[in-house]
Amino acid sequence: MAEKVVLIDDLDLSEGTDVVRREFPLLERTFAIDLSDDNHRRLSEALTFIGTVVERSREVKRAARPRKADPEPRLRGYTNTDVREWARAAGLEISARGKLTEEIIGKFIEAHPDATSEE
């Protein structure tokens, strides 16, 4: 004996013989949902409205991240963590994060001649 499959509308949770899986495109993707005829009509109307809105709108592009005007120089063979640890051990004030100051980098290079800046 075959079992009767009862589909439930995903929007209003109603049961009905008119509830079927409906596919629809949106934002260059395809979605599927179980809907009754009434809710499918509502969805179609909403998608038509959204299509009209999108056609009459303009896309807002995200601003590009600004490039640093003066990038932090890299130290050959050493990391910023190495510089911070050395500065703390040398009794210099240094923040735990953020850009290293030119003064700290200069003192580090004086103490570590092999760390000349790569540019």
PDB file of N, CA and C in Angstrom:
ATOM      1  N   MET A   1       0.834  -1.173   0.000  1.00  0.00           N
ATOM      2  CA  MET A   1       0.000   0.000   0.000  1.00  0.00           C
ATOM      3  C   MET A   1       0.888   1.249   0.000  1.00  0.00           C
ATOM      4  N   ALA A   2       0.649   2.156  -0.907  1.00  0.00           N
ATOM      5  CA  ALA A   2       1.464   3.363  -1.021  1.00  0.00           C
ATOM      6  C   ALA A   2       1.066   4.362   0.059  1.00  0.00           C
ATOM      7  N   GLU A   3       2.109   4.967   0.633  1.00  0.00           N
ATOM      8  CA  GLU A   3       1.845   5.991   1.644  1.00  0.00           C
ATOM      9  C   GLU A   3       1.550   7.314   0.963  1.00  0.00           C
ATOM     10  N   LYS A   4       0.656   8.062   1.523  1.00  0.00           N
ATOM     11  CA  LYS A   4       0.320   9.372   0.997  1.00  0.00           C
ATOM     12  C   LYS A   4       1.318  10.377   1.551  1.00  0.00           C
ATOM     13  N   VAL A   5       1.934  11.144   0.667  1.00  0.00           N
ATOM     14  CA  VAL A   5       2.883  12.177   1.076  1.00  0.00           C
ATOM     15  C   VAL A   5       2.124  13.488   1.195  1.00  0.00           C
ATOM     16  N   VAL A   6       2.225  14.089   2.343  1.00  0.00           N
ATOM     17  CA  VAL A   6       1.556  15.364   2.574  1.00  0.00           C
ATOM     18  C   VAL A   6       2.631  16.437   2.633  1.00  0.00           C
ATOM     19  N   LEU A   7       2.521  17.393   1.740  1.00  0.00           N
ATOM     20  CA  LEU A   7       3.463  18.510   1.758  1.00  0.00           C
ATOM     21  C   LEU A   7       2.878  19.656   2.569  1.00  0.00           C
ATOM     22  N   ILE A   8       3.764  20.367   3.227  1.00  0.00           N
ATOM     23  CA  ILE A   8       3.371  21.494   4.076  1.00  0.00           C
ATOM     24  C   ILE A   8       3.993  22.758   3.492  1.00  0.00           C
ATOM     25  N   ASP A   9       3.192  23.780   3.374  1.00  0.00           N
ATOM     26  CA  ASP A   9       3.643  25.072   2.877  1.00  0.00           C
ATOM     27  C   ASP A   9       4.695  25.627   3.846  1.00  0.00           C
ATOM     28  N   ASP A  10       5.858  25.953   3.303  1.00  0.00           N
ATOM     29  CA  ASP A  10       6.957  26.430   4.157  1.00  0.00           C
ATOM     30  C   ASP A  10       6.710  27.816   4.747  1.00  0.00           C
ATOM     31  N   LEU A  11       5.786  28.569   4.202  1.00  0.00           N
ATOM     32  CA  LEU A  11       5.534  29.908   4.740  1.00  0.00           C
ATOM     33  C   LEU A  11       4.477  29.922   5.832  1.00  0.00           C
ATOM     34  N   ASP A  12       3.335  29.317   5.564  1.00  0.00           N
ATOM     35  CA  ASP A  12       2.264  29.387   6.569  1.00  0.00           C
ATOM     36  C   ASP A  12       1.969  28.058   7.247  1.00  0.00           C
ATOM     37  N   LEU A  13       2.760  27.032   6.917  1.00  0.00           N
ATOM     38  CA  LEU A  13       2.672  25.696   7.513  1.00  0.00           C
ATOM     39  C   LEU A  13       1.318  25.010   7.279  1.00  0.00           C
ATOM     40  N   SER A  14       0.620  25.436   6.232  1.00  0.00           N
ATOM     41  CA  SER A  14      -0.649  24.782   5.900  1.00  0.00           C
ATOM     42  C   SER A  14      -0.396  23.548   5.040  1.00  0.00           C
ATOM     43  N   GLU A  15      -1.340  22.603   5.098  1.00  0.00           N
ATOM     44  CA  GLU A  15      -1.286  21.410   4.258  1.00  0.00           C
ATOM     45  C   GLU A  15      -2.269  21.611   3.122  1.00  0.00           C
ATOM     46  N   GLY A  16      -1.984  21.020   1.985  1.00  0.00           N
ATOM     47  CA  GLY A  16      -2.938  21.124   0.890  1.00  0.00           C
ATOM     48  C   GLY A  16      -2.472  20.350  -0.310  1.00  0.00           C
ATOM     49  N   THR A  17      -3.413  19.975  -1.143  1.00  0.00           N
ATOM     50  CA  THR A  17      -3.059  19.233  -2.354  1.00  0.00           C
ATOM     51  C   THR A  17      -2.372  20.134  -3.361  1.00  0.00           C
ATOM     52  N   ASP A  18      -2.464  21.452  -3.186  1.00  0.00           N
ATOM     53  CA  ASP A  18      -1.820  22.388  -4.109  1.00  0.00           C
ATOM     54  C   ASP A  18      -0.407  22.779  -3.669  1.00  0.00           C
ATOM     55  N   VAL A  19       0.058  22.206  -2.561  1.00  0.00           N
ATOM     56  CA  VAL A  19       1.412  22.530  -2.086  1.00  0.00           C
ATOM     57  C   VAL A  19       2.412  21.684  -2.878  1.00  0.00           C
ATOM     58  N   VAL A  20       3.324  22.371  -3.557  1.00  0.00           N
ATOM     59  CA  VAL A  20       4.367  21.699  -4.335  1.00  0.00           C
ATOM     60  C   VAL A  20       5.667  22.480  -4.211  1.00  0.00           C
ATOM     61  N   ARG A  21       6.725  21.821  -4.605  1.00  0.00           N
ATOM     62  CA  ARG A  21       8.037  22.475  -4.581  1.00  0.00           C
ATOM     63  C   ARG A  21       8.079  23.482  -5.722  1.00  0.00           C
ATOM     64  N   ARG A  22       8.463  24.697  -5.400  1.00  0.00           N
ATOM     65  CA  ARG A  22       8.549  25.778  -6.395  1.00  0.00           C
ATOM     66  C   ARG A  22       9.981  26.285  -6.415  1.00  0.00           C
ATOM     67  N   GLU A  23      10.549  26.394  -7.584  1.00  0.00           N
ATOM     68  CA  GLU A  23      11.892  26.963  -7.736  1.00  0.00           C
ATOM     69  C   GLU A  23      11.758  28.378  -8.271  1.00  0.00           C
ATOM     70  N   PHE A  24      12.672  29.245  -7.817  1.00  0.00           N
ATOM     71  CA  PHE A  24      12.656  30.620  -8.316  1.00  0.00           C
ATOM     72  C   PHE A  24      14.075  31.182  -8.309  1.00  0.00           C
ATOM     73  N   PRO A  25      14.379  32.024  -9.309  1.00  0.00           N
ATOM     74  CA  PRO A  25      15.707  32.642  -9.375  1.00  0.00           C
ATOM     75  C   PRO A  25      15.733  33.947  -8.588  1.00  0.00           C
ATOM     76  N   LEU A  26      16.857  34.203  -7.945  1.00  0.00           N
ATOM     77  CA  LEU A  26      17.057  35.468  -7.235  1.00  0.00           C
ATOM     78  C   LEU A  26      18.551  35.682  -7.041  1.00  0.00           C
ATOM     79  N   LEU A  27      19.022  36.851  -7.420  1.00  0.00           N
ATOM     80  CA  LEU A  27      20.433  37.216  -7.246  1.00  0.00           C
ATOM     81  C   LEU A  27      21.370  36.192  -7.875  1.00  0.00           C
ATOM     82  N   GLU A  28      21.029  35.791  -9.103  1.00  0.00           N
ATOM     83  CA  GLU A  28      21.837  34.850  -9.875  1.00  0.00           C
ATOM     84  C   GLU A  28      21.991  33.494  -9.200  1.00  0.00           C
ATOM     85  N   ARG A  29      21.014  33.134  -8.347  1.00  0.00           N
ATOM     86  CA  ARG A  29      20.979  31.827  -7.693  1.00  0.00           C
ATOM     87  C   ARG A  29      19.573  31.273  -7.850  1.00  0.00           C
ATOM     88  N   THR A  30      19.421  29.970  -7.652  1.00  0.00           N
ATOM     89  CA  THR A  30      18.100  29.355  -7.715  1.00  0.00           C
ATOM     90  C   THR A  30      17.759  28.797  -6.348  1.00  0.00           C
ATOM     91  N   PHE A  31      16.550  29.115  -5.877  1.00  0.00           N
ATOM     92  CA  PHE A  31      16.074  28.667  -4.582  1.00  0.00           C
ATOM     93  C   PHE A  31      14.862  27.772  -4.785  1.00  0.00           C
ATOM     94  N   ALA A  32      14.561  26.925  -3.801  1.00  0.00           N
ATOM     95  CA  ALA A  32      13.376  26.068  -3.849  1.00  0.00           C
ATOM     96  C   ALA A  32      12.656  26.152  -2.511  1.00  0.00           C
ATOM     97  N   ILE A  33      11.321  26.091  -2.586  1.00  0.00           N
ATOM     98  CA  ILE A  33      10.489  26.174  -1.389  1.00  0.00           C
ATOM     99  C   ILE A  33       9.159  25.484  -1.690  1.00  0.00           C
ATOM    100  N   ASP A  34       8.582  24.852  -0.701  1.00  0.00           N
ATOM    101  CA  ASP A  34       7.263  24.241  -0.854  1.00  0.00           C
ATOM    102  C   ASP A  34       6.204  25.292  -0.570  1.00  0.00           C
ATOM    103  N   LEU A  35       5.344  25.548  -1.576  1.00  0.00           N
ATOM    104  CA  LEU A  35       4.324  26.594  -1.441  1.00  0.00           C
ATOM    105  C   LEU A  35       2.990  26.143  -2.015  1.00  0.00           C
ATOM    106  N   SER A  36       1.932  26.686  -1.434  1.00  0.00           N
ATOM    107  CA  SER A  36       0.580  26.524  -1.990  1.00  0.00           C
ATOM    108  C   SER A  36       0.460  27.461  -3.189  1.00  0.00           C
ATOM    109  N   ASP A  37      -0.612  27.293  -3.940  1.00  0.00           N
ATOM    110  CA  ASP A  37      -0.830  28.182  -5.082  1.00  0.00           C
ATOM    111  C   ASP A  37      -0.916  29.641  -4.643  1.00  0.00           C
ATOM    112  N   ASP A  38      -1.616  29.913  -3.533  1.00  0.00           N
ATOM    113  CA  ASP A  38      -1.754  31.296  -3.054  1.00  0.00           C
ATOM    114  C   ASP A  38      -0.403  31.904  -2.679  1.00  0.00           C
ATOM    115  N   ASN A  39       0.398  31.151  -1.930  1.00  0.00           N
ATOM    116  CA  ASN A  39       1.702  31.689  -1.526  1.00  0.00           C
ATOM    117  C   ASN A  39       2.656  31.768  -2.709  1.00  0.00           C
ATOM    118  N   HIS A  40       2.510  30.888  -3.688  1.00  0.00           N
ATOM    119  CA  HIS A  40       3.333  30.980  -4.890  1.00  0.00           C
ATOM    120  C   HIS A  40       2.984  32.253  -5.657  1.00  0.00           C
ATOM    121  N   ARG A  41       1.692  32.596  -5.732  1.00  0.00           N
ATOM    122  CA  ARG A  41       1.265  33.837  -6.374  1.00  0.00           C
ATOM    123  C   ARG A  41       1.871  35.044  -5.640  1.00  0.00           C
ATOM    124  N   ARG A  42       1.832  35.025  -4.292  1.00  0.00           N
ATOM    125  CA  ARG A  42       2.416  36.122  -3.494  1.00  0.00           C
ATOM    126  C   ARG A  42       3.915  36.241  -3.745  1.00  0.00           C
ATOM    127  N   LEU A  43       4.593  35.086  -3.816  1.00  0.00           N
ATOM    128  CA  LEU A  43       6.034  35.096  -4.089  1.00  0.00           C
ATOM    129  C   LEU A  43       6.310  35.682  -5.468  1.00  0.00           C
ATOM    130  N   SER A  44       5.550  35.263  -6.459  1.00  0.00           N
ATOM    131  CA  SER A  44       5.739  35.779  -7.821  1.00  0.00           C
ATOM    132  C   SER A  44       5.555  37.289  -7.873  1.00  0.00           C
ATOM    133  N   GLU A  45       4.532  37.782  -7.174  1.00  0.00           N
ATOM    134  CA  GLU A  45       4.292  39.231  -7.133  1.00  0.00           C
ATOM    135  C   GLU A  45       5.454  39.954  -6.447  1.00  0.00           C
ATOM    136  N   ALA A  46       5.957  39.375  -5.361  1.00  0.00           N
ATOM    137  CA  ALA A  46       7.079  39.989  -4.638  1.00  0.00           C
ATOM    138  C   ALA A  46       8.331  40.014  -5.509  1.00  0.00           C
ATOM    139  N   LEU A  47       8.596  38.918  -6.225  1.00  0.00           N
ATOM    140  CA  LEU A  47       9.777  38.868  -7.092  1.00  0.00           C
ATOM    141  C   LEU A  47       9.662  39.862  -8.243  1.00  0.00           C
ATOM    142  N   THR A  48       8.457  40.028  -8.769  1.00  0.00           N
ATOM    143  CA  THR A  48       8.236  41.025  -9.822  1.00  0.00           C
ATOM    144  C   THR A  48       8.518  42.424  -9.278  1.00  0.00           C
ATOM    145  N   PHE A  49       8.023  42.703  -8.066  1.00  0.00           N
ATOM    146  CA  PHE A  49       8.266  43.999  -7.439  1.00  0.00           C
ATOM    147  C   PHE A  49       9.764  44.216  -7.215  1.00  0.00           C
ATOM    148  N   ILE A  50      10.437  43.218  -6.680  1.00  0.00           N
ATOM    149  CA  ILE A  50      11.884  43.332  -6.435  1.00  0.00           C
ATOM    150  C   ILE A  50      12.627  43.551  -7.751  1.00  0.00           C
ATOM    151  N   GLY A  51      12.216  42.842  -8.798  1.00  0.00           N
ATOM    152  CA  GLY A  51      12.851  43.025 -10.109  1.00  0.00           C
ATOM    153  C   GLY A  51      12.729  44.452 -10.595  1.00  0.00           C
ATOM    154  N   THR A  52      11.560  45.052 -10.422  1.00  0.00           N
ATOM    155  CA  THR A  52      11.337  46.439 -10.825  1.00  0.00           C
ATOM    156  C   THR A  52      12.220  47.380 -10.009  1.00  0.00           C
ATOM    157  N   VAL A  53      12.278  47.135  -8.713  1.00  0.00           N
ATOM    158  CA  VAL A  53      13.120  47.974  -7.844  1.00  0.00           C
ATOM    159  C   VAL A  53      14.582  47.880  -8.277  1.00  0.00           C
ATOM    160  N   VAL A  54      15.066  46.674  -8.525  1.00  0.00           N
ATOM    161  CA  VAL A  54      16.474  46.489  -8.912  1.00  0.00           C
ATOM    162  C   VAL A  54      16.750  47.169 -10.253  1.00  0.00           C
ATOM    163  N   GLU A  55      15.822  47.046 -11.203  1.00  0.00           N
ATOM    164  CA  GLU A  55      16.006  47.684 -12.509  1.00  0.00           C
ATOM    165  C   GLU A  55      16.124  49.200 -12.395  1.00  0.00           C
ATOM    166  N   ARG A  56      15.433  49.777 -11.434  1.00  0.00           N
ATOM    167  CA  ARG A  56      15.420  51.235 -11.298  1.00  0.00           C
ATOM    168  C   ARG A  56      16.440  51.742 -10.280  1.00  0.00           C
ATOM    169  N   SER A  57      17.229  50.841  -9.742  1.00  0.00           N
ATOM    170  CA  SER A  57      18.233  51.209  -8.733  1.00  0.00           C
ATOM    171  C   SER A  57      19.614  51.191  -9.360  1.00  0.00           C
ATOM    172  N   ARG A  58      20.557  51.625  -8.610  1.00  0.00           N
ATOM    173  CA  ARG A  58      21.950  51.531  -9.048  1.00  0.00           C
ATOM    174  C   ARG A  58      22.740  50.817  -7.961  1.00  0.00           C
ATOM    175  N   GLU A  59      23.708  50.057  -8.387  1.00  0.00           N
ATOM    176  CA  GLU A  59      24.519  49.286  -7.452  1.00  0.00           C
ATOM    177  C   GLU A  59      25.504  50.199  -6.738  1.00  0.00           C
ATOM    178  N   VAL A  60      25.649  49.977  -5.452  1.00  0.00           N
ATOM    179  CA  VAL A  60      26.613  50.722  -4.657  1.00  0.00           C
ATOM    180  C   VAL A  60      27.834  49.837  -4.503  1.00  0.00           C
ATOM    181  N   LYS A  61      28.940  50.337  -4.958  1.00  0.00           N
ATOM    182  CA  LYS A  61      30.183  49.560  -4.855  1.00  0.00           C
ATOM    183  C   LYS A  61      30.897  49.935  -3.575  1.00  0.00           C
ATOM    184  N   ARG A  62      31.471  48.940  -2.946  1.00  0.00           N
ATOM    185  CA  ARG A  62      32.223  49.201  -1.716  1.00  0.00           C
ATOM    186  C   ARG A  62      33.489  49.981  -2.042  1.00  0.00           C
ATOM    187  N   ALA A  63      33.820  50.878  -1.140  1.00  0.00           N
ATOM    188  CA  ALA A  63      35.033  51.659  -1.320  1.00  0.00           C
ATOM    189  C   ALA A  63      36.246  50.757  -1.182  1.00  0.00           C
ATOM    190  N   ALA A  64      37.220  50.995  -2.013  1.00  0.00           N
ATOM    191  CA  ALA A  64      38.462  50.226  -1.929  1.00  0.00           C
ATOM    192  C   ALA A  64      39.209  50.645  -0.671  1.00  0.00           C
ATOM    193  N   ARG A  65      39.923  49.699  -0.114  1.00  0.00           N
ATOM    194  CA  ARG A  65      40.730  50.034   1.064  1.00  0.00           C
ATOM    195  C   ARG A  65      41.866  50.946   0.639  1.00  0.00           C
ATOM    196  N   PRO A  66      42.041  52.043   1.349  1.00  0.00           N
ATOM    197  CA  PRO A  66      43.134  52.952   0.965  1.00  0.00           C
ATOM    198  C   PRO A  66      44.495  52.306   1.229  1.00  0.00           C
ATOM    199  N   ARG A  67      45.392  52.599   0.348  1.00  0.00           N
ATOM    200  CA  ARG A  67      46.757  52.088   0.538  1.00  0.00           C
ATOM    201  C   ARG A  67      47.492  52.998   1.514  1.00  0.00           C
ATOM    202  N   LYS A  68      48.376  52.391   2.269  1.00  0.00           N
ATOM    203  CA  LYS A  68      49.175  53.191   3.197  1.00  0.00           C
ATOM    204  C   LYS A  68      50.158  54.024   2.388  1.00  0.00           C
ATOM    205  N   ALA A  69      50.202  55.296   2.699  1.00  0.00           N
ATOM    206  CA  ALA A  69      51.100  56.185   1.969  1.00  0.00           C
ATOM    207  C   ALA A  69      52.550  55.860   2.282  1.00  0.00           C
ATOM    208  N   ASP A  70      52.821  55.503   3.519  1.00  0.00           N
ATOM    209  CA  ASP A  70      54.187  55.216   3.952  1.00  0.00           C
ATOM    210  C   ASP A  70      54.195  53.841   4.603  1.00  0.00           C
ATOM    211  N   PRO A  71      54.317  52.781   3.786  1.00  0.00           N
ATOM    212  CA  PRO A  71      54.262  51.445   4.385  1.00  0.00           C
ATOM    213  C   PRO A  71      55.404  51.217   5.370  1.00  0.00           C
ATOM    214  N   GLU A  72      55.100  50.436   6.385  1.00  0.00           N
ATOM    215  CA  GLU A  72      56.086  50.122   7.408  1.00  0.00           C
ATOM    216  C   GLU A  72      57.228  49.322   6.776  1.00  0.00           C
ATOM    217  N   PRO A  73      58.484  49.749   6.993  1.00  0.00           N
ATOM    218  CA  PRO A  73      59.590  49.011   6.382  1.00  0.00           C
ATOM    219  C   PRO A  73      59.729  47.621   6.991  1.00  0.00           C
ATOM    220  N   ARG A  74      60.117  46.701   6.174  1.00  0.00           N
ATOM    221  CA  ARG A  74      60.345  45.335   6.654  1.00  0.00           C
ATOM    222  C   ARG A  74      61.801  45.208   7.074  1.00  0.00           C
ATOM    223  N   LEU A  75      62.001  44.454   8.096  1.00  0.00           N
ATOM    224  CA  LEU A  75      63.350  44.226   8.587  1.00  0.00           C
ATOM    225  C   LEU A  75      63.790  42.835   8.152  1.00  0.00           C
ATOM    226  N   ARG A  76      64.914  42.759   7.531  1.00  0.00           N
ATOM    227  CA  ARG A  76      65.411  41.494   7.009  1.00  0.00           C
ATOM    228  C   ARG A  76      65.687  40.520   8.152  1.00  0.00           C
ATOM    229  N   GLY A  77      64.941  39.410   8.134  1.00  0.00           N
ATOM    230  CA  GLY A  77      65.191  38.346   9.104  1.00  0.00           C
ATOM    231  C   GLY A  77      64.540  38.544  10.464  1.00  0.00           C
ATOM    232  N   TYR A  78      63.798  39.606  10.660  1.00  0.00           N
ATOM    233  CA  TYR A  78      63.161  39.887  11.943  1.00  0.00           C
ATOM    234  C   TYR A  78      61.683  40.249  11.731  1.00  0.00           C
ATOM    235  N   THR A  79      60.882  39.963  12.718  1.00  0.00           N
ATOM    236  CA  THR A  79      59.467  40.313  12.672  1.00  0.00           C
ATOM    237  C   THR A  79      59.205  41.498  13.600  1.00  0.00           C
ATOM    238  N   ASN A  80      58.013  42.063  13.496  1.00  0.00           N
ATOM    239  CA  ASN A  80      57.629  43.144  14.404  1.00  0.00           C
ATOM    240  C   ASN A  80      57.618  42.648  15.854  1.00  0.00           C
ATOM    241  N   THR A  81      57.271  41.374  16.041  1.00  0.00           N
ATOM    242  CA  THR A  81      57.288  40.791  17.393  1.00  0.00           C
ATOM    243  C   THR A  81      58.708  40.788  17.942  1.00  0.00           C
ATOM    244  N   ASP A  82      59.676  40.445  17.076  1.00  0.00           N
ATOM    245  CA  ASP A  82      61.087  40.480  17.509  1.00  0.00           C
ATOM    246  C   ASP A  82      61.473  41.892  17.956  1.00  0.00           C
ATOM    247  N   VAL A  83      61.059  42.890  17.198  1.00  0.00           N
ATOM    248  CA  VAL A  83      61.387  44.282  17.528  1.00  0.00           C
ATOM    249  C   VAL A  83      60.737  44.669  18.855  1.00  0.00           C
ATOM    250  N   ARG A  84      59.475  44.312  19.033  1.00  0.00           N
ATOM    251  CA  ARG A  84      58.785  44.650  20.284  1.00  0.00           C
ATOM    252  C   ARG A  84      59.461  43.984  21.489  1.00  0.00           C
ATOM    253  N   GLU A  85      59.794  42.701  21.356  1.00  0.00           N
ATOM    254  CA  GLU A  85      60.454  41.994  22.462  1.00  0.00           C
ATOM    255  C   GLU A  85      61.797  42.634  22.779  1.00  0.00           C
ATOM    256  N   TRP A  86      62.565  42.982  21.753  1.00  0.00           N
ATOM    257  CA  TRP A  86      63.859  43.624  21.972  1.00  0.00           C
ATOM    258  C   TRP A  86      63.661  44.976  22.665  1.00  0.00           C
ATOM    259  N   ALA A  87      62.678  45.756  22.197  1.00  0.00           N
ATOM    260  CA  ALA A  87      62.440  47.088  22.765  1.00  0.00           C
ATOM    261  C   ALA A  87      62.061  46.984  24.240  1.00  0.00           C
ATOM    262  N   ARG A  88      61.189  46.035  24.575  1.00  0.00           N
ATOM    263  CA  ARG A  88      60.806  45.861  25.987  1.00  0.00           C
ATOM    264  C   ARG A  88      62.021  45.472  26.830  1.00  0.00           C
ATOM    265  N   ALA A  89      62.818  44.545  26.301  1.00  0.00           N
ATOM    266  CA  ALA A  89      64.022  44.103  27.030  1.00  0.00           C
ATOM    267  C   ALA A  89      65.013  45.254  27.189  1.00  0.00           C
ATOM    268  N   ALA A  90      65.015  46.185  26.226  1.00  0.00           N
ATOM    269  CA  ALA A  90      65.926  47.332  26.280  1.00  0.00           C
ATOM    270  C   ALA A  90      65.339  48.471  27.110  1.00  0.00           C
ATOM    271  N   GLY A  91      64.135  48.254  27.670  1.00  0.00           N
ATOM    272  CA  GLY A  91      63.522  49.266  28.516  1.00  0.00           C
ATOM    273  C   GLY A  91      62.857  50.397  27.747  1.00  0.00           C
ATOM    274  N   LEU A  92      62.583  50.190  26.477  1.00  0.00           N
ATOM    275  CA  LEU A  92      61.931  51.221  25.677  1.00  0.00           C
ATOM    276  C   LEU A  92      60.417  51.054  25.762  1.00  0.00           C
ATOM    277  N   GLU A  93      59.703  52.164  25.710  1.00  0.00           N
ATOM    278  CA  GLU A  93      58.246  52.104  25.720  1.00  0.00           C
ATOM    279  C   GLU A  93      57.777  51.759  24.321  1.00  0.00           C
ATOM    280  N   ILE A  94      56.912  50.742  24.236  1.00  0.00           N
ATOM    281  CA  ILE A  94      56.394  50.323  22.936  1.00  0.00           C
ATOM    282  C   ILE A  94      55.005  49.746  23.128  1.00  0.00           C
ATOM    283  N   SER A  95      54.125  50.030  22.188  1.00  0.00           N
ATOM    284  CA  SER A  95      52.762  49.506  22.283  1.00  0.00           C
ATOM    285  C   SER A  95      52.762  48.024  21.912  1.00  0.00           C
ATOM    286  N   ALA A  96      51.759  47.324  22.398  1.00  0.00           N
ATOM    287  CA  ALA A  96      51.656  45.892  22.107  1.00  0.00           C
ATOM    288  C   ALA A  96      51.224  45.658  20.668  1.00  0.00           C
ATOM    289  N   ARG A  97      50.570  46.651  20.068  1.00  0.00           N
ATOM    290  CA  ARG A  97      50.093  46.503  18.690  1.00  0.00           C
ATOM    291  C   ARG A  97      50.253  47.819  17.949  1.00  0.00           C
ATOM    292  N   GLY A  98      50.045  47.773  16.654  1.00  0.00           N
ATOM    293  CA  GLY A  98      50.098  48.991  15.856  1.00  0.00           C
ATOM    294  C   GLY A  98      51.425  49.154  15.146  1.00  0.00           C
ATOM    295  N   LYS A  99      51.559  50.260  14.478  1.00  0.00           N
ATOM    296  CA  LYS A  99      52.741  50.539  13.678  1.00  0.00           C
ATOM    297  C   LYS A  99      53.940  50.821  14.576  1.00  0.00           C
ATOM    298  N   LEU A 100      55.065  50.269  14.190  1.00  0.00           N
ATOM    299  CA  LEU A 100      56.317  50.547  14.903  1.00  0.00           C
ATOM    300  C   LEU A 100      56.807  51.939  14.493  1.00  0.00           C
ATOM    301  N   THR A 101      57.301  52.699  15.450  1.00  0.00           N
ATOM    302  CA  THR A 101      57.781  54.045  15.126  1.00  0.00           C
ATOM    303  C   THR A 101      59.140  53.963  14.445  1.00  0.00           C
ATOM    304  N   GLU A 102      59.428  55.003  13.674  1.00  0.00           N
ATOM    305  CA  GLU A 102      60.731  55.076  12.994  1.00  0.00           C
ATOM    306  C   GLU A 102      61.864  55.069  14.022  1.00  0.00           C
ATOM    307  N   GLU A 103      61.624  55.723  15.163  1.00  0.00           N
ATOM    308  CA  GLU A 103      62.645  55.776  16.220  1.00  0.00           C
ATOM    309  C   GLU A 103      62.979  54.369  16.720  1.00  0.00           C
ATOM    310  N   ILE A 104      61.952  53.555  17.007  1.00  0.00           N
ATOM    311  CA  ILE A 104      62.183  52.188  17.503  1.00  0.00           C
ATOM    312  C   ILE A 104      62.879  51.361  16.436  1.00  0.00           C
ATOM    313  N   ILE A 105      62.417  51.472  15.182  1.00  0.00           N
ATOM    314  CA  ILE A 105      63.046  50.699  14.098  1.00  0.00           C
ATOM    315  C   ILE A 105      64.503  51.114  13.950  1.00  0.00           C
ATOM    316  N   GLY A 106      64.769  52.415  14.007  1.00  0.00           N
ATOM    317  CA  GLY A 106      66.153  52.892  13.895  1.00  0.00           C
ATOM    318  C   GLY A 106      67.039  52.341  15.005  1.00  0.00           C
ATOM    319  N   LYS A 107      66.549  52.354  16.249  1.00  0.00           N
ATOM    320  CA  LYS A 107      67.326  51.817  17.369  1.00  0.00           C
ATOM    321  C   LYS A 107      67.532  50.314  17.220  1.00  0.00           C
ATOM    322  N   PHE A 108      66.514  49.611  16.729  1.00  0.00           N
ATOM    323  CA  PHE A 108      66.645  48.166  16.527  1.00  0.00           C
ATOM    324  C   PHE A 108      67.732  47.885  15.488  1.00  0.00           C
ATOM    325  N   ILE A 109      67.738  48.650  14.398  1.00  0.00           N
ATOM    326  CA  ILE A 109      68.749  48.447  13.346  1.00  0.00           C
ATOM    327  C   ILE A 109      70.139  48.767  13.868  1.00  0.00           C
ATOM    328  N   GLU A 110      70.249  49.809  14.716  1.00  0.00           N
ATOM    329  CA  GLU A 110      71.554  50.110  15.323  1.00  0.00           C
ATOM    330  C   GLU A 110      72.051  48.929  16.146  1.00  0.00           C
ATOM    331  N   ALA A 111      71.132  48.279  16.876  1.00  0.00           N
ATOM    332  CA  ALA A 111      71.505  47.147  17.716  1.00  0.00           C
ATOM    333  C   ALA A 111      71.645  45.850  16.904  1.00  0.00           C
ATOM    334  N   HIS A 112      71.051  45.805  15.740  1.00  0.00           N
ATOM    335  CA  HIS A 112      71.074  44.608  14.889  1.00  0.00           C
ATOM    336  C   HIS A 112      71.428  45.026  13.463  1.00  0.00           C
ATOM    337  N   PRO A 113      72.698  45.278  13.171  1.00  0.00           N
ATOM    338  CA  PRO A 113      73.097  45.768  11.839  1.00  0.00           C
ATOM    339  C   PRO A 113      72.666  44.830  10.696  1.00  0.00           C
ATOM    340  N   ASP A 114      72.460  43.560  10.999  1.00  0.00           N
ATOM    341  CA  ASP A 114      72.034  42.621   9.948  1.00  0.00           C
ATOM    342  C   ASP A 114      70.585  42.793   9.563  1.00  0.00           C
ATOM    343  N   ALA A 115      69.873  43.687  10.235  1.00  0.00           N
ATOM    344  CA  ALA A 115      68.437  43.877  10.005  1.00  0.00           C
ATOM    345  C   ALA A 115      68.158  45.082   9.121  1.00  0.00           C
ATOM    346  N   THR A 116      69.123  45.443   8.268  1.00  0.00           N
ATOM    347  CA  THR A 116      68.909  46.636   7.449  1.00  0.00           C
ATOM    348  C   THR A 116      67.608  46.517   6.679  1.00  0.00           C
ATOM    349  N   SER A 117      66.919  47.632   6.543  1.00  0.00           N
ATOM    350  CA  SER A 117      65.622  47.654   5.881  1.00  0.00           C
ATOM    351  C   SER A 117      65.727  47.221   4.432  1.00  0.00           C
ATOM    352  N   GLU A 118      64.713  46.460   4.032  1.00  0.00           N
ATOM    353  CA  GLU A 118      64.571  46.110   2.609  1.00  0.00           C
ATOM    354  C   GLU A 118      63.600  47.097   2.021  1.00  0.00           C
ATOM    355  N   GLU A 119      63.906  47.685   0.928  1.00  0.00           N
ATOM    356  CA  GLU A 119      62.966  48.628   0.298  1.00  0.00           C
ATOM    357  C   GLU A 119      62.885  48.375  -1.159  1.00  0.00           C
TER     358      GLU A 119
END
